[in-house]
Protein backbone atom coordinates (compact mmCIF):
# COMPACT_ATOMS: atom_id res chain seq x y z
CA MET A 1 20.57 13.51 -0.72
CA PRO A 2 17.45 15.75 -0.72
CA GLU A 3 17.26 15.29 -4.48
CA VAL A 4 17.13 11.50 -4.05
CA HIS A 5 14.42 11.90 -1.43
CA LEU A 6 12.45 14.04 -3.87
CA LEU A 7 12.91 11.53 -6.71
CA VAL A 8 11.83 8.59 -4.55
CA GLY A 9 8.86 10.66 -3.37
CA VAL A 10 7.72 11.13 -6.95
CA CYS A 11 8.14 7.38 -7.54
CA LEU A 12 6.14 6.68 -4.36
CA ILE A 13 3.30 8.89 -5.56
CA ALA A 14 3.26 7.29 -9.01
CA ALA A 15 3.62 3.69 -7.79
CA ASN A 16 0.84 4.00 -5.22
CA LEU A 17 -1.48 5.70 -7.69
CA VAL A 18 -0.90 2.94 -10.26
CA ALA A 19 -1.33 0.13 -7.72
CA GLY A 20 -4.38 1.79 -6.15
CA VAL A 21 -6.20 2.41 -9.42
CA TRP A 22 -5.25 -0.99 -10.84
CA GLY A 23 -6.34 -2.79 -7.67
CA GLY A 24 -9.57 -0.81 -7.52
CA TYR A 25 -10.36 -1.73 -11.11
CA LEU A 26 -9.63 -5.41 -10.42
CA TRP A 27 -11.79 -5.32 -7.30
CA LEU A 28 -14.69 -3.76 -9.20
CA GLU A 29 -14.35 -6.26 -12.03
CA ASN A 30 -13.89 -9.16 -9.59
CA ARG A 31 -10.76 -10.28 -11.45
CA PRO A 32 -7.59 -11.56 -9.81
CA SER A 33 -4.22 -10.49 -11.20
CA ALA A 34 -0.75 -11.55 -10.13
CA GLY A 35 0.61 -8.36 -11.71
CA PHE A 36 -1.26 -6.22 -9.21
CA TRP A 37 0.56 -7.87 -6.33
CA TYR A 38 3.93 -7.08 -7.94
CA ALA A 39 2.86 -3.46 -8.42
CA LEU A 40 1.69 -3.36 -4.80
CA ARG A 41 5.04 -4.63 -3.52
CA VAL A 42 6.90 -2.04 -5.62
CA ALA A 43 4.67 0.65 -4.11
CA GLN A 44 5.37 -0.67 -0.61
CA VAL A 45 9.12 -0.69 -1.24
CA THR A 46 8.95 2.97 -2.26
CA VAL A 47 7.18 3.77 1.02
CA ILE A 48 9.90 2.05 3.06
CA LEU A 49 12.70 3.58 1.01
CA GLN A 50 11.21 7.06 1.23
CA ALA A 51 10.73 6.86 4.98
CA GLY A 52 14.28 5.60 5.41
CA LEU A 53 15.68 8.43 3.29
CA GLY A 54 13.60 10.96 5.21
CA LEU A 55 14.86 9.62 8.50
CA LEU A 56 18.42 9.78 7.24
CA LEU A 57 17.92 13.39 6.18
CA VAL A 58 16.57 14.33 9.61
CA PHE A 59 19.49 12.61 11.35
CA THR A 60 22.00 14.41 9.12
CA GLY A 61 20.69 17.82 10.10
CA HIS A 62 18.17 18.64 7.39
CA HIS A 63 15.07 20.36 8.69
CA ALA A 64 11.53 19.29 7.81
CA SER A 65 8.27 20.63 9.15
CA ASP A 66 6.38 18.56 11.67
CA LEU A 67 3.57 18.11 9.13
CA HIS A 68 6.01 16.82 6.53
CA ILE A 69 7.36 14.27 9.00
CA LEU A 70 3.83 13.25 10.00
CA TYR A 71 2.76 12.78 6.38
CA GLY A 72 6.00 10.90 5.76
CA VAL A 73 5.44 8.44 8.61
CA LEU A 74 1.71 7.84 8.07
CA PRO A 75 2.18 5.85 4.83
CA LEU A 76 4.24 3.30 6.78
CA VAL A 77 1.47 3.03 9.34
CA VAL A 78 -1.21 2.70 6.66
CA SER A 79 0.76 0.01 4.84
CA LEU A 80 1.34 -1.97 8.02
CA LEU A 81 -2.30 -1.69 9.11
CA ALA A 82 -3.49 -2.77 5.66
CA GLU A 83 -1.35 -5.91 5.87
CA VAL A 84 -2.74 -6.70 9.32
CA ILE A 85 -6.32 -6.13 8.15
CA ARG A 86 -5.67 -8.26 5.05
CA ALA A 87 -4.46 -11.15 7.19
CA GLY A 88 -7.51 -10.86 9.40
CA SER A 89 -9.88 -10.67 6.47
CA ALA A 90 -8.73 -14.02 5.12
CA ALA A 91 -9.44 -15.59 8.48
CA GLN A 92 -12.86 -13.93 8.53
CA GLU A 93 -13.67 -15.24 5.06
CA LEU A 94 -12.68 -18.76 6.07
CA GLY A 95 -14.46 -18.72 9.41
CA ASP A 96 -14.78 -22.25 10.79
CA ILE A 97 -14.80 -23.89 7.36
CA ASP A 98 -12.76 -27.03 6.87
CA VAL A 99 -11.37 -26.18 3.45
CA ARG A 100 -10.32 -29.76 2.71
CA SER A 101 -13.89 -30.93 3.06
CA LEU A 102 -15.07 -28.57 0.31
CA SER A 103 -15.33 -29.49 -3.33
CA PRO A 104 -12.52 -28.18 -5.56
CA GLU A 105 -14.99 -25.77 -7.17
CA ARG A 106 -16.02 -24.34 -3.79
CA GLN A 107 -12.37 -24.09 -2.74
CA THR A 108 -11.67 -22.03 -5.86
CA GLN A 109 -14.65 -19.77 -5.16
CA LEU A 110 -13.46 -19.25 -1.61
CA ALA A 111 -9.91 -18.48 -2.73
CA LEU A 112 -11.19 -15.96 -5.28
CA ALA A 113 -13.33 -14.29 -2.62
CA ILE A 114 -10.28 -13.94 -0.37
CA VAL A 115 -8.17 -12.52 -3.22
CA ARG A 116 -10.90 -10.03 -4.10
CA ARG A 117 -11.19 -8.83 -0.52
CA ASP A 118 -7.41 -8.60 -0.17
CA THR A 119 -7.16 -6.67 -3.43
CA GLY A 120 -9.75 -4.16 -2.25
CA ILE A 121 -8.02 -3.63 1.08
CA MET A 122 -4.60 -3.12 -0.46
CA ALA A 123 -5.88 -0.92 -3.30
CA THR A 124 -7.58 1.32 -0.75
CA ALA A 125 -4.36 1.51 1.27
CA CYS A 126 -2.42 2.51 -1.86
CA LEU A 127 -4.87 5.29 -2.63
CA VAL A 128 -4.69 6.57 0.95
CA ILE A 129 -0.88 6.48 0.77
CA PHE A 130 -1.03 8.31 -2.56
CA LEU A 131 -3.06 11.11 -0.94
CA LEU A 132 -0.79 11.25 2.10
CA ALA A 133 2.27 11.45 -0.16
CA LEU A 134 0.69 14.30 -2.11
CA ARG A 135 0.09 16.10 1.15
CA ALA A 136 3.68 15.41 2.24
CA ALA A 137 4.90 16.88 -1.05
CA GLY A 138 2.77 19.95 -0.40
CA THR A 139 4.44 20.50 2.96
CA SER A 140 7.92 20.03 1.48
CA SER A 141 10.27 22.91 0.92
CA ALA A 142 11.12 21.42 -2.50
CA PHE A 143 7.92 22.76 -4.08
């Protein structure tokens, strides 16, 4: 089981780095991409899977340092907070605007602005998770 936890940890690091860099590039270039959102969801699944495996290891008697557990839990918190912030940012972008009263061109501009902001938020979260996962790996007894 520890080997699986290690393997998923490596996947978590790679997936969050890819999603974070890709999302950051898209944000800088102001380009939407459906592929980024798939990569983001894969990265988020690795976070959930890794935390679940870590919890299972702790409950089955494997010992981990307090720092390792902290750095293992923080990516879940970061991911959840990023989703909450993303939801709030869309509302902030919309404000009191009646979207149906806008021209189709303005609706598209507004949608693209929301996607850009969401991409930036989630890319940042992925990069933070990447760094936390590296730190968790550094506190692991596997290395």
